[in-house]
N, C-alpha and C. Protein backbone atom coordinates (compact mmCIF):
# COMPACT_ATOMS: atom_id res chain seq x y z
N MET A 1 32.42 63.09 -58.28
CA MET A 1 32.10 64.18 -59.03
C MET A 1 30.51 64.47 -58.71
N ASP A 2 30.05 65.58 -58.10
CA ASP A 2 28.47 65.56 -58.30
C ASP A 2 28.19 66.99 -58.98
N SER A 3 27.06 67.18 -59.01
CA SER A 3 26.30 68.31 -59.77
C SER A 3 25.05 68.74 -59.06
N ARG A 4 24.95 70.01 -58.65
CA ARG A 4 23.77 70.40 -57.88
C ARG A 4 22.74 71.35 -58.74
N LEU A 5 21.41 70.77 -58.66
CA LEU A 5 20.41 71.76 -59.25
C LEU A 5 19.60 71.90 -58.16
N ARG A 6 18.90 73.42 -58.32
CA ARG A 6 18.12 73.89 -57.60
C ARG A 6 16.54 74.24 -58.18
N GLY A 7 15.82 73.93 -57.51
CA GLY A 7 14.25 73.86 -57.95
C GLY A 7 13.59 73.90 -56.68
N ASN A 8 12.39 74.80 -56.75
CA ASN A 8 11.38 74.86 -55.97
C ASN A 8 11.94 74.94 -54.38
N ASP A 9 13.24 75.76 -54.33
CA ASP A 9 13.79 75.71 -52.90
C ASP A 9 14.25 74.54 -52.43
N ARG A 10 14.61 73.61 -53.32
CA ARG A 10 15.39 72.21 -53.01
C ARG A 10 16.36 72.06 -53.57
N GLU A 11 17.44 71.66 -53.03
CA GLU A 11 18.59 71.24 -53.49
C GLU A 11 18.70 69.83 -54.10
N VAL A 12 18.95 69.10 -55.22
CA VAL A 12 19.35 68.04 -55.79
C VAL A 12 20.57 67.66 -56.14
N ILE A 13 20.93 66.54 -55.41
CA ILE A 13 22.45 66.33 -55.75
C ILE A 13 22.49 64.97 -56.79
N LEU A 14 23.10 65.20 -57.98
CA LEU A 14 23.35 64.33 -58.46
C LEU A 14 24.77 63.82 -58.55
N SER A 15 24.89 62.62 -58.26
CA SER A 15 26.37 62.02 -58.11
C SER A 15 26.44 60.97 -59.24
N PHE A 16 27.82 61.11 -59.70
CA PHE A 16 28.30 60.32 -60.98
C PHE A 16 29.43 59.44 -60.17
N PRO A 17 29.15 58.16 -59.98
CA PRO A 17 30.11 57.47 -59.58
C PRO A 17 31.15 57.11 -60.67
N ARG A 18 32.50 56.85 -60.03
CA ARG A 18 33.75 56.67 -60.84
C ARG A 18 33.87 55.55 -61.48
N ARG A 19 33.36 54.48 -60.61
CA ARG A 19 33.71 52.89 -60.86
C ARG A 19 32.27 52.21 -61.21
N ARG A 20 32.23 51.29 -62.28
CA ARG A 20 31.01 50.58 -62.61
C ARG A 20 30.32 50.12 -61.71
N GLU A 21 31.03 49.52 -60.65
CA GLU A 21 30.11 48.71 -59.53
C GLU A 21 29.44 49.64 -58.62
N SER A 22 29.90 50.80 -58.59
CA SER A 22 29.18 51.49 -57.80
C SER A 22 28.01 52.49 -58.52
N ILE A 23 27.91 52.14 -59.89
CA ILE A 23 26.66 52.82 -60.65
C ILE A 23 25.45 52.00 -60.67
N GLU A 24 25.67 50.75 -60.17
CA GLU A 24 24.43 49.88 -60.20
C GLU A 24 23.50 50.38 -58.97
N PRO A 25 23.74 50.66 -57.94
CA PRO A 25 22.80 51.28 -57.02
C PRO A 25 21.90 52.21 -57.47
N VAL A 26 22.81 53.27 -58.17
CA VAL A 26 22.11 54.44 -58.56
C VAL A 26 21.23 54.34 -59.79
N LEU A 27 21.56 53.30 -60.55
CA LEU A 27 20.61 53.10 -61.77
C LEU A 27 19.43 52.14 -61.11
N GLY A 28 19.37 51.77 -59.96
CA GLY A 28 18.35 50.74 -59.41
C GLY A 28 18.53 49.34 -59.98
N ILE A 29 19.84 48.94 -60.25
CA ILE A 29 20.10 47.63 -60.49
C ILE A 29 20.35 46.71 -59.42
N ILE A 30 19.44 45.77 -59.19
CA ILE A 30 19.98 45.16 -57.77
C ILE A 30 19.97 43.70 -58.14
N GLU A 31 20.78 43.12 -57.94
CA GLU A 31 21.08 41.55 -58.18
C GLU A 31 20.08 40.83 -56.92
N MET A 32 19.29 40.15 -57.32
CA MET A 32 18.46 39.38 -56.53
C MET A 32 19.05 38.01 -56.25
N HIS A 33 18.97 37.75 -55.09
CA HIS A 33 19.56 36.46 -54.59
C HIS A 33 18.29 35.63 -53.96
N SER A 34 18.60 34.54 -53.92
CA SER A 34 17.51 33.38 -53.53
C SER A 34 18.09 32.67 -52.03
N TYR A 35 17.28 32.59 -51.20
CA TYR A 35 17.81 31.87 -50.17
C TYR A 35 16.62 30.81 -49.75
N TYR A 36 16.87 29.82 -49.01
CA TYR A 36 15.63 28.74 -48.92
C TYR A 36 15.89 28.16 -47.40
N VAL A 37 14.78 28.29 -46.55
CA VAL A 37 14.83 27.46 -45.38
C VAL A 37 14.04 26.52 -45.61
N TYR A 38 14.54 25.06 -45.46
CA TYR A 38 13.68 23.98 -45.81
C TYR A 38 13.56 23.10 -44.78
N ILE A 39 12.59 22.12 -44.95
CA ILE A 39 12.41 20.83 -43.92
C ILE A 39 12.25 19.81 -44.76
N LEU A 40 13.26 18.83 -44.36
CA LEU A 40 13.34 17.65 -44.84
C LEU A 40 12.80 16.62 -44.00
N ALA A 41 12.00 15.36 -44.42
CA ALA A 41 11.46 14.42 -43.38
C ALA A 41 11.98 13.01 -43.93
N SER A 42 12.02 12.20 -43.14
CA SER A 42 12.41 10.64 -43.28
C SER A 42 11.12 10.08 -43.82
N LYS A 43 10.01 10.55 -43.43
CA LYS A 43 8.49 9.86 -43.94
C LYS A 43 7.65 10.79 -43.30
N ARG A 44 6.32 10.63 -43.52
CA ARG A 44 5.43 11.21 -43.05
C ARG A 44 5.36 11.20 -41.20
N ASN A 45 5.56 12.35 -40.55
CA ASN A 45 5.59 12.38 -39.16
C ASN A 45 6.77 11.65 -38.67
N GLY A 46 7.88 11.56 -39.51
CA GLY A 46 9.07 10.88 -39.11
C GLY A 46 9.91 11.91 -38.53
N THR A 47 11.15 11.89 -38.74
CA THR A 47 12.37 12.64 -38.44
C THR A 47 12.43 13.75 -39.35
N LEU A 48 12.61 14.79 -38.63
CA LEU A 48 12.60 16.24 -39.26
C LEU A 48 14.21 16.93 -39.33
N TYR A 49 14.56 17.39 -40.34
CA TYR A 49 15.70 18.27 -40.50
C TYR A 49 15.50 19.63 -41.18
N ILE A 50 15.89 20.52 -40.50
CA ILE A 50 15.79 22.16 -41.11
C ILE A 50 16.92 22.80 -41.30
N GLY A 51 17.30 23.14 -42.45
CA GLY A 51 18.37 23.73 -43.08
C GLY A 51 18.15 25.17 -44.13
N VAL A 52 19.32 25.75 -44.07
CA VAL A 52 19.09 26.91 -45.17
C VAL A 52 20.06 26.79 -46.49
N THR A 53 19.88 27.35 -47.42
CA THR A 53 20.76 26.91 -48.65
C THR A 53 20.31 28.26 -49.66
N ASN A 54 21.19 28.52 -50.63
CA ASN A 54 21.06 29.42 -51.78
C ASN A 54 20.69 28.77 -52.94
N ASN A 55 20.52 27.18 -52.82
CA ASN A 55 20.29 26.49 -54.08
C ASN A 55 19.33 25.29 -53.57
N LEU A 56 18.03 25.36 -53.60
CA LEU A 56 17.31 24.12 -52.92
C LEU A 56 17.54 22.98 -53.72
N GLU A 57 17.41 22.93 -55.18
CA GLU A 57 17.23 21.86 -55.79
C GLU A 57 18.86 20.99 -55.58
N ARG A 58 19.89 21.88 -55.69
CA ARG A 58 21.38 21.20 -55.35
C ARG A 58 21.23 20.57 -54.02
N ARG A 59 21.08 21.21 -53.03
CA ARG A 59 21.06 20.79 -51.56
C ARG A 59 20.23 19.61 -51.42
N VAL A 60 18.86 19.93 -52.15
CA VAL A 60 18.07 18.34 -51.74
C VAL A 60 18.77 17.21 -52.34
N ALA A 61 19.25 17.32 -53.51
CA ALA A 61 20.23 16.43 -54.47
C ALA A 61 21.35 15.53 -53.58
N GLU A 62 21.84 16.69 -52.72
CA GLU A 62 22.97 16.41 -52.08
C GLU A 62 22.54 15.42 -50.84
N HIS A 63 21.31 15.65 -50.22
CA HIS A 63 20.95 14.90 -49.14
C HIS A 63 20.39 13.77 -49.68
N LYS A 64 19.55 13.59 -50.98
CA LYS A 64 19.12 12.21 -51.49
C LYS A 64 20.54 11.53 -51.89
N GLY A 65 21.26 11.91 -52.29
CA GLY A 65 22.42 11.21 -52.80
C GLY A 65 23.33 10.77 -51.71
N THR A 66 23.13 11.20 -50.49
CA THR A 66 23.93 11.01 -49.22
C THR A 66 25.44 11.38 -49.27
N THR A 67 25.64 12.46 -50.03
CA THR A 67 26.81 12.99 -50.16
C THR A 67 27.14 13.88 -48.78
N ILE A 68 25.75 14.23 -48.16
CA ILE A 68 26.15 14.89 -46.85
C ILE A 68 26.15 13.89 -45.83
N LYS A 69 27.29 13.73 -45.28
CA LYS A 69 27.51 12.81 -44.07
C LYS A 69 26.76 13.47 -42.85
N GLY A 70 26.38 12.75 -41.88
CA GLY A 70 26.06 13.36 -40.77
C GLY A 70 24.35 13.25 -40.39
N PHE A 71 23.65 13.84 -39.99
CA PHE A 71 22.35 13.73 -39.46
C PHE A 71 21.21 13.03 -40.40
N THR A 72 21.43 13.71 -41.61
CA THR A 72 20.48 13.44 -42.54
C THR A 72 20.67 12.00 -43.20
N GLU A 73 22.08 11.53 -43.24
CA GLU A 73 22.11 10.27 -43.95
C GLU A 73 21.99 9.17 -42.68
N GLN A 74 22.37 9.56 -41.41
CA GLN A 74 22.15 8.38 -40.55
C GLN A 74 20.72 8.22 -40.18
N TYR A 75 19.84 9.01 -40.43
CA TYR A 75 18.40 9.23 -39.95
C TYR A 75 17.59 8.95 -41.26
N GLY A 76 17.97 9.04 -42.65
CA GLY A 76 17.41 8.55 -43.93
C GLY A 76 16.56 9.88 -44.09
N VAL A 77 16.72 11.29 -43.60
CA VAL A 77 15.97 12.14 -43.82
C VAL A 77 16.34 13.10 -45.28
N ALA A 78 15.61 12.58 -46.14
CA ALA A 78 15.86 13.27 -47.59
C ALA A 78 14.51 13.81 -48.44
N ILE A 79 13.41 13.79 -47.69
CA ILE A 79 12.19 14.28 -48.54
C ILE A 79 11.86 15.61 -48.01
N PRO A 80 12.01 16.48 -49.30
CA PRO A 80 11.84 17.73 -48.93
C PRO A 80 10.11 17.97 -49.12
N VAL A 81 9.85 18.36 -47.60
CA VAL A 81 8.71 18.65 -47.47
C VAL A 81 7.80 20.10 -47.25
N TYR A 82 8.64 20.82 -46.85
CA TYR A 82 8.37 22.37 -46.82
C TYR A 82 9.48 23.21 -47.05
N PHE A 83 9.38 24.50 -47.59
CA PHE A 83 10.40 25.41 -47.85
C PHE A 83 9.71 26.73 -47.82
N GLU A 84 10.58 27.83 -47.50
CA GLU A 84 10.31 29.10 -47.57
C GLU A 84 11.59 29.91 -48.27
N TRP A 85 11.23 30.80 -49.10
CA TRP A 85 11.96 31.60 -49.93
C TRP A 85 12.20 33.23 -49.09
N PHE A 86 13.49 33.53 -49.30
CA PHE A 86 13.87 34.76 -48.87
C PHE A 86 14.96 35.30 -49.58
N SER A 87 15.04 36.71 -49.87
CA SER A 87 15.95 37.45 -50.67
C SER A 87 17.06 37.90 -49.84
N ASP A 88 17.21 37.70 -48.53
CA ASP A 88 17.92 38.25 -47.70
C ASP A 88 18.58 37.06 -46.95
N ILE A 89 19.94 36.74 -46.83
CA ILE A 89 20.33 35.64 -46.19
C ILE A 89 20.30 35.73 -44.89
N THR A 90 20.39 37.11 -44.10
CA THR A 90 20.21 37.19 -42.74
C THR A 90 18.69 36.78 -42.17
N GLU A 91 17.69 37.20 -43.00
CA GLU A 91 16.38 36.76 -42.58
C GLU A 91 16.32 35.51 -42.73
N ALA A 92 16.96 34.58 -43.74
CA ALA A 92 16.63 33.21 -43.92
C ALA A 92 17.35 32.29 -42.82
N ILE A 93 18.61 32.94 -42.24
CA ILE A 93 19.19 32.37 -41.02
C ILE A 93 18.50 32.58 -39.87
N LYS A 94 17.74 33.67 -39.64
CA LYS A 94 16.86 33.95 -38.44
C LYS A 94 15.81 33.10 -38.47
N ARG A 95 15.09 33.05 -39.74
CA ARG A 95 14.07 32.15 -39.80
C ARG A 95 14.32 30.54 -39.23
N GLU A 96 15.41 30.20 -40.08
CA GLU A 96 16.04 28.88 -39.75
C GLU A 96 16.08 28.51 -38.19
N LYS A 97 16.93 29.31 -37.41
CA LYS A 97 17.07 29.32 -36.20
C LYS A 97 15.53 29.40 -35.37
N GLN A 98 14.69 30.20 -35.92
CA GLN A 98 13.48 30.16 -35.34
C GLN A 98 12.94 28.84 -35.20
N LEU A 99 12.65 28.12 -36.41
CA LEU A 99 12.08 26.97 -36.56
C LEU A 99 12.92 25.88 -35.84
N LYS A 100 14.06 26.04 -35.89
CA LYS A 100 14.78 24.83 -34.88
C LYS A 100 14.32 24.92 -33.31
N LYS A 101 13.87 26.14 -33.05
CA LYS A 101 13.62 26.30 -31.57
C LYS A 101 12.09 25.88 -31.21
N TRP A 102 11.45 25.78 -32.59
CA TRP A 102 9.96 25.40 -32.40
C TRP A 102 9.79 23.86 -31.71
N ASN A 103 8.69 23.52 -31.15
CA ASN A 103 8.37 22.40 -30.85
C ASN A 103 7.96 21.55 -32.14
N ARG A 104 8.19 19.94 -31.91
CA ARG A 104 7.53 19.13 -32.96
C ARG A 104 6.08 19.38 -33.60
N SER A 105 5.35 19.76 -32.86
CA SER A 105 3.98 19.77 -33.17
C SER A 105 3.56 21.15 -33.97
N TRP A 106 4.28 22.16 -33.59
CA TRP A 106 4.35 23.40 -34.38
C TRP A 106 4.90 23.21 -35.74
N LYS A 107 6.17 22.36 -35.79
CA LYS A 107 6.67 22.05 -37.17
C LYS A 107 5.79 21.46 -38.19
N ILE A 108 5.06 20.11 -37.37
CA ILE A 108 4.41 19.50 -38.24
C ILE A 108 3.06 20.05 -38.63
N ARG A 109 2.44 21.18 -38.09
CA ARG A 109 1.38 21.83 -38.49
C ARG A 109 1.84 22.95 -39.34
N LEU A 110 3.08 23.29 -39.61
CA LEU A 110 3.55 24.14 -40.49
C LEU A 110 3.73 23.42 -41.83
N ILE A 111 4.25 22.37 -41.97
CA ILE A 111 4.28 21.44 -42.99
C ILE A 111 3.03 21.05 -43.49
N GLU A 112 1.91 20.88 -42.35
CA GLU A 112 0.52 20.24 -42.95
C GLU A 112 -0.49 21.30 -43.49
N GLU A 113 0.03 22.56 -43.22
CA GLU A 113 -0.89 23.62 -43.70
C GLU A 113 -0.68 24.00 -45.26
N ARG A 114 0.75 23.73 -45.45
CA ARG A 114 1.13 23.84 -47.23
C ARG A 114 1.44 22.24 -47.96
N ASN A 115 1.59 21.54 -47.16
CA ASN A 115 1.64 20.12 -47.78
C ASN A 115 1.23 19.09 -46.94
N PRO A 116 -0.07 18.90 -46.79
CA PRO A 116 -0.73 18.00 -45.95
C PRO A 116 -0.63 16.74 -46.21
N HIS A 117 -0.04 16.16 -47.39
CA HIS A 117 -0.02 14.79 -47.45
C HIS A 117 1.70 14.47 -47.47
N TRP A 118 2.34 15.42 -47.15
CA TRP A 118 3.84 15.34 -47.16
C TRP A 118 4.49 14.81 -48.31
N ILE A 119 3.96 15.21 -49.52
CA ILE A 119 4.42 14.98 -51.11
C ILE A 119 5.81 15.31 -50.84
N ASP A 120 6.59 14.57 -51.50
CA ASP A 120 8.10 14.97 -52.01
C ASP A 120 8.09 16.24 -52.85
N LEU A 121 8.67 17.43 -52.38
CA LEU A 121 8.31 18.63 -53.45
C LEU A 121 9.45 18.63 -54.35
N SER A 122 10.38 17.97 -54.32
CA SER A 122 11.38 17.67 -55.53
C SER A 122 10.93 16.85 -56.55
N GLU A 123 9.58 16.26 -56.43
CA GLU A 123 9.08 15.54 -57.62
C GLU A 123 7.84 16.26 -58.17
N THR A 124 7.53 17.53 -57.58
CA THR A 124 6.51 18.38 -58.20
C THR A 124 7.22 19.57 -58.66
N GLY A 125 8.58 19.56 -58.87
CA GLY A 125 9.07 20.78 -59.15
C GLY A 125 8.89 22.14 -58.13
N TYR A 126 9.07 21.55 -56.83
CA TYR A 126 8.91 22.38 -55.94
C TYR A 126 7.51 23.52 -55.85
N GLN A 127 6.72 22.68 -55.96
CA GLN A 127 5.48 23.20 -56.05
C GLN A 127 4.70 22.91 -54.91
N PHE A 128 3.98 23.33 -54.04
CA PHE A 128 3.11 22.80 -53.17
C PHE A 128 1.59 22.36 -53.70
N PRO A 129 1.27 21.35 -53.02
CA PRO A 129 0.10 20.92 -53.72
C PRO A 129 -1.15 22.27 -53.83
N ASN A 130 -2.01 21.96 -54.75
CA ASN A 130 -3.11 23.05 -54.64
C ASN A 130 -3.92 22.80 -53.67
N LEU A 131 -4.52 23.44 -52.84
CA LEU A 131 -5.11 23.12 -51.77
C LEU A 131 -6.61 23.81 -51.88
N GLN A 132 -6.84 24.53 -52.88
CA GLN A 132 -8.03 25.41 -52.99
C GLN A 132 -8.98 24.38 -54.20
N PRO A 133 -9.96 23.74 -54.10
CA PRO A 133 -10.61 23.33 -55.36
C PRO A 133 -11.06 24.10 -56.58
N GLY A 134 -10.94 23.81 -57.42
CA GLY A 134 -11.16 24.80 -58.57
C GLY A 134 -10.28 25.76 -58.95
N PHE A 135 -8.84 25.79 -58.29
CA PHE A 135 -8.04 26.79 -58.41
C PHE A 135 -7.09 26.44 -59.44
N PRO A 136 -6.81 27.37 -60.33
CA PRO A 136 -7.37 28.78 -60.41
C PRO A 136 -8.58 28.88 -61.04
N PRO A 137 -9.54 29.84 -61.00
CA PRO A 137 -10.81 30.18 -61.49
C PRO A 137 -10.66 30.04 -63.01
N SER A 138 -11.68 29.39 -63.43
CA SER A 138 -11.99 29.47 -64.74
C SER A 138 -12.15 30.81 -65.24
N ARG A 139 -11.72 31.16 -66.68
CA ARG A 139 -12.08 32.32 -67.18
C ARG A 139 -13.46 32.84 -68.05
N GLU A 140 -14.16 31.27 -67.92
CA GLU A 140 -15.42 31.53 -68.78
C GLU A 140 -16.45 32.14 -67.99
């Protein structure tokens, strides 16, 4: 069902959806999703692993608990040193594929720009180290 209103020579169409799930976009209700591209390392400048997930904490715990058989278990790769957040899985997968094609020095530079000491981000609540002295600025 729709209703048409006229004003200033423009026609406005109001649409009234019949099912609940179809009303959410009309009302502007958008369910946010979180996806992460992450890099794990065995140690500083060690073996690297790049992956994508919708739950970073769970996925890192799986790697650390060696419930993931394969590359990460074989090479002891379980320290999260870098991640990026995405709201769109397609963009996250695209970025994962892009990073996997990068040469090693680019990956290391990317990690060191945000995490120069290769800190285990799972031990910081997934917060990157503060790289700016005196940040945040004092309100005094």
